[in-house]
Amino acid sequence: MATETSVREQPLAELIKAAFAEAAAARTANATKREEVRATLAELDKEAAGFEETMRLLTGLMNSWQEFDPGKNRAAFFFLTKKDECAVLNGLYPADAVCTKEEWREYRNTAHRGLSSRKLAPYYPRIDVADAARDECPHCRKNGFLVQRYEQTEDSAEGDTWMKQKIIVCLELDCGEVTNKKPEYSSSRF
């Protein structure tokens, strides 16, 4: 009878060892899959953050001219001219928004601070797409638009910090990259 039990126990012990080995292999495979999923999620989060930043940039290019004090409360984005001036592309503002310096002064004196402007400040050059500055995209080597980001990054009693940064916006269909150049900082407006 004792012999009969040990014969049954031996295959059972082998089955248990095989089950443990199989579970350990599955645990390792699961850990590997989890790491792959984490890496994929991190990559997707990074990609989503890039898309969000690109949307902020594009929205800014369309709307920053309306800011009462561009860059004061949020990042302002402008196309650059070939002379390195912030500019607004023709077609991104309504025709009735254009005003003279006198109209602008009057508007500034009567408008409420913080509200969006319905007038295009006369000190922004209005340019056609052909007159916008370009720079080589480091990804595809084609010319992308040169844009400037401008914002107050610190506002305190001890002093302010303003930042401006050039950005290359590539609109090539097979590229579409946005490349930030090194930012410049100042304790006063640029």
Protein backbone atom coordinates (compact mmCIF):
# COMPACT_ATOMS: atom_id res chain seq x y z
CA MET A 1 0.00 0.00 0.00
CA ALA A 2 2.86 2.38 0.77
CA THR A 3 4.31 1.71 -2.66
CA GLU A 4 1.00 2.55 -4.29
CA THR A 5 0.88 6.01 -2.55
CA SER A 6 4.42 6.95 -3.53
CA VAL A 7 3.69 6.08 -7.17
CA ARG A 8 0.66 8.43 -7.12
CA GLU A 9 2.56 11.15 -5.26
CA GLN A 10 5.42 11.15 -7.74
CA PRO A 11 3.32 12.11 -10.78
CA LEU A 12 1.41 14.60 -8.64
CA ALA A 13 4.67 16.22 -7.50
CA GLU A 14 5.83 16.43 -11.12
CA LEU A 15 2.52 17.98 -12.13
CA ILE A 16 2.82 20.57 -9.36
CA LYS A 17 6.41 21.39 -10.39
CA ALA A 18 5.30 21.73 -14.01
CA ALA A 19 2.39 23.97 -12.96
CA PHE A 20 4.77 26.17 -10.92
CA ALA A 21 7.17 26.40 -13.87
CA GLU A 22 4.29 27.28 -16.19
CA ALA A 23 2.98 29.92 -13.75
CA ALA A 24 6.48 31.43 -13.39
CA ALA A 25 6.85 31.60 -17.19
CA ALA A 26 3.39 33.20 -17.48
CA ARG A 27 4.27 35.70 -14.71
CA THR A 28 7.47 36.65 -16.59
CA ALA A 29 5.61 36.96 -19.88
CA ASN A 30 2.93 39.05 -18.14
CA ALA A 31 5.56 41.34 -16.61
CA THR A 32 7.14 41.80 -20.03
CA LYS A 33 3.76 42.58 -21.60
CA ARG A 34 2.96 45.05 -18.78
CA GLU A 35 6.27 46.85 -19.39
CA GLU A 36 5.52 46.99 -23.12
CA VAL A 37 2.06 48.41 -22.40
CA ARG A 38 3.54 50.98 -19.96
CA ALA A 39 6.10 52.04 -22.57
CA THR A 40 3.37 52.32 -25.22
CA LEU A 41 1.17 54.38 -22.86
CA ALA A 42 4.10 56.67 -22.02
CA GLU A 43 4.74 57.13 -25.73
CA LEU A 44 1.05 57.88 -26.37
CA ASP A 45 1.00 60.37 -23.45
CA LYS A 46 4.04 62.11 -24.91
CA GLU A 47 2.43 62.19 -28.35
CA ALA A 48 -0.84 63.53 -26.90
CA ALA A 49 1.06 66.27 -25.03
CA GLY A 50 2.74 67.21 -28.30
CA PHE A 51 -0.63 67.41 -30.06
CA GLU A 52 -2.02 69.57 -27.24
CA GLU A 53 0.96 71.93 -27.46
CA THR A 54 0.57 72.11 -31.24
CA MET A 55 -3.13 72.96 -30.80
CA ARG A 56 -2.20 75.74 -28.32
CA LEU A 57 0.29 77.07 -30.85
CA LEU A 58 -2.17 77.00 -33.77
CA THR A 59 -4.94 78.53 -31.66
CA GLY A 60 -2.49 81.20 -30.50
CA LEU A 61 -1.51 82.02 -34.08
CA MET A 62 -5.18 82.56 -34.88
CA ASN A 63 -6.07 84.52 -31.72
CA SER A 64 -3.05 86.16 -30.04
CA TRP A 65 -3.57 89.39 -31.97
CA GLN A 66 -6.82 89.77 -29.98
CA GLU A 67 -5.09 89.75 -26.60
CA PHE A 68 -5.20 93.08 -24.77
CA ASP A 69 -1.67 92.42 -23.47
CA PRO A 70 -0.20 89.49 -25.45
CA GLY A 71 1.84 87.11 -23.35
CA LYS A 72 0.73 88.57 -20.01
CA ASN A 73 -1.81 85.90 -19.02
CA ARG A 74 -0.98 83.10 -21.46
CA ALA A 75 1.49 82.34 -24.19
CA ALA A 76 1.08 84.46 -27.30
CA PHE A 77 2.13 83.16 -30.70
CA PHE A 78 2.93 85.22 -33.78
CA PHE A 79 4.35 84.56 -37.21
CA LEU A 80 7.69 86.28 -37.74
CA THR A 81 8.54 88.51 -40.66
CA LYS A 82 11.82 88.17 -42.51
CA LYS A 83 12.94 91.16 -40.38
CA ASP A 84 12.21 89.13 -37.21
CA GLU A 85 9.10 91.15 -36.24
CA CYS A 86 5.94 89.61 -34.79
CA ALA A 87 3.24 89.73 -37.44
CA VAL A 88 -0.29 88.60 -38.21
CA LEU A 89 -1.07 86.74 -41.43
CA ASN A 90 -3.64 88.29 -43.69
CA GLY A 91 -6.82 86.26 -43.44
CA LEU A 92 -6.47 85.46 -39.73
CA TYR A 93 -8.37 88.58 -38.67
CA PRO A 94 -11.54 90.26 -39.92
CA ALA A 95 -11.06 93.21 -42.25
CA ASP A 96 -12.93 95.55 -39.88
CA ALA A 97 -10.38 94.80 -37.11
CA VAL A 98 -7.71 96.92 -38.83
CA CYS A 99 -7.42 100.37 -37.27
CA THR A 100 -5.19 103.44 -37.28
CA LYS A 101 -2.86 104.39 -34.41
CA GLU A 102 -5.36 107.02 -33.27
CA GLU A 103 -8.25 104.53 -33.31
CA TRP A 104 -6.05 102.06 -31.43
CA ARG A 105 -5.20 104.62 -28.70
CA GLU A 106 -8.87 105.46 -28.30
CA TYR A 107 -9.80 101.80 -28.21
CA ARG A 108 -7.11 101.02 -25.58
CA ASN A 109 -8.31 103.89 -23.39
CA THR A 110 -11.94 102.77 -23.46
CA ALA A 111 -11.56 98.97 -23.57
CA HIS A 112 -11.60 96.90 -20.42
CA ARG A 113 -8.25 95.40 -19.49
CA GLY A 114 -8.15 91.64 -19.80
CA LEU A 115 -10.85 91.40 -22.43
CA SER A 116 -10.05 90.26 -25.93
CA SER A 117 -9.48 93.03 -28.40
CA ARG A 118 -11.71 93.40 -31.42
CA LYS A 119 -9.13 95.61 -33.07
CA LEU A 120 -5.80 94.64 -34.59
CA ALA A 121 -3.04 96.73 -33.06
CA PRO A 122 -1.43 98.83 -35.82
CA TYR A 123 2.07 97.97 -34.61
CA TYR A 124 1.72 94.37 -35.85
CA PRO A 125 2.70 94.09 -39.49
CA ARG A 126 0.04 92.37 -41.57
CA ILE A 127 1.72 90.01 -44.01
CA ASP A 128 0.93 87.47 -46.69
CA VAL A 129 2.05 83.86 -46.32
CA ALA A 130 4.88 84.47 -48.83
CA ASP A 131 6.32 87.18 -46.54
CA ALA A 132 6.44 85.02 -43.41
CA ALA A 133 9.91 84.01 -42.21
CA ARG A 134 10.95 80.41 -42.76
CA ASP A 135 13.61 78.16 -41.30
CA GLU A 136 14.78 74.65 -42.10
CA CYS A 137 12.91 71.88 -40.29
CA PRO A 138 15.53 69.69 -38.58
CA HIS A 139 13.37 66.59 -39.24
CA CYS A 140 12.65 66.77 -42.98
CA ARG A 141 15.07 69.55 -44.04
CA LYS A 142 12.27 71.50 -45.78
CA ASN A 143 11.33 75.07 -44.86
CA GLY A 144 8.82 75.50 -42.08
CA PHE A 145 7.22 78.69 -40.76
CA LEU A 146 9.17 80.58 -38.13
CA VAL A 147 6.91 81.49 -35.22
CA GLN A 148 7.58 83.27 -31.94
CA ARG A 149 6.16 82.31 -28.57
CA TYR A 150 6.07 85.19 -26.10
CA GLU A 151 4.93 85.07 -22.50
CA GLN A 152 5.44 86.33 -19.01
CA THR A 153 6.70 83.33 -17.07
CA GLU A 154 6.99 85.04 -13.69
CA ASP A 155 5.01 87.94 -12.26
CA SER A 156 5.99 88.95 -8.74
CA ALA A 157 6.79 91.93 -6.55
CA GLU A 158 10.47 90.96 -6.77
CA GLY A 159 10.39 91.21 -10.56
CA ASP A 160 9.03 89.77 -13.75
CA THR A 161 10.45 87.26 -16.18
CA TRP A 162 9.52 87.34 -19.85
CA MET A 163 10.35 84.61 -22.32
CA LYS A 164 10.45 84.58 -26.09
CA GLN A 165 11.18 81.51 -28.12
CA LYS A 166 11.39 80.84 -31.81
CA ILE A 167 9.57 77.77 -33.08
CA ILE A 168 9.80 76.07 -36.45
CA VAL A 169 6.38 74.83 -37.57
CA CYS A 170 6.69 72.37 -40.44
CA LEU A 171 3.49 71.92 -42.42
CA GLU A 172 4.82 69.25 -44.79
CA LEU A 173 2.30 66.39 -44.86
CA ASP A 174 4.94 63.73 -44.32
CA CYS A 175 6.53 65.65 -41.41
CA GLY A 176 4.33 68.08 -39.44
CA GLU A 177 6.92 68.54 -36.67
CA VAL A 178 7.09 71.50 -34.31
CA THR A 179 10.62 72.30 -33.15
CA ASN A 180 11.36 74.64 -30.26
CA LYS A 181 14.56 76.64 -30.35
CA LYS A 182 16.37 77.78 -27.22
CA PRO A 183 14.27 80.35 -25.32
CA GLU A 184 15.51 83.80 -24.29
CA TYR A 185 14.60 85.34 -20.92
CA SER A 186 14.47 88.93 -19.74
CA SER A 187 13.42 90.77 -16.58
CA SER A 188 11.51 93.22 -18.78
CA ARG A 189 9.51 92.99 -21.96
CA PHE A 190 11.46 92.38 -25.13
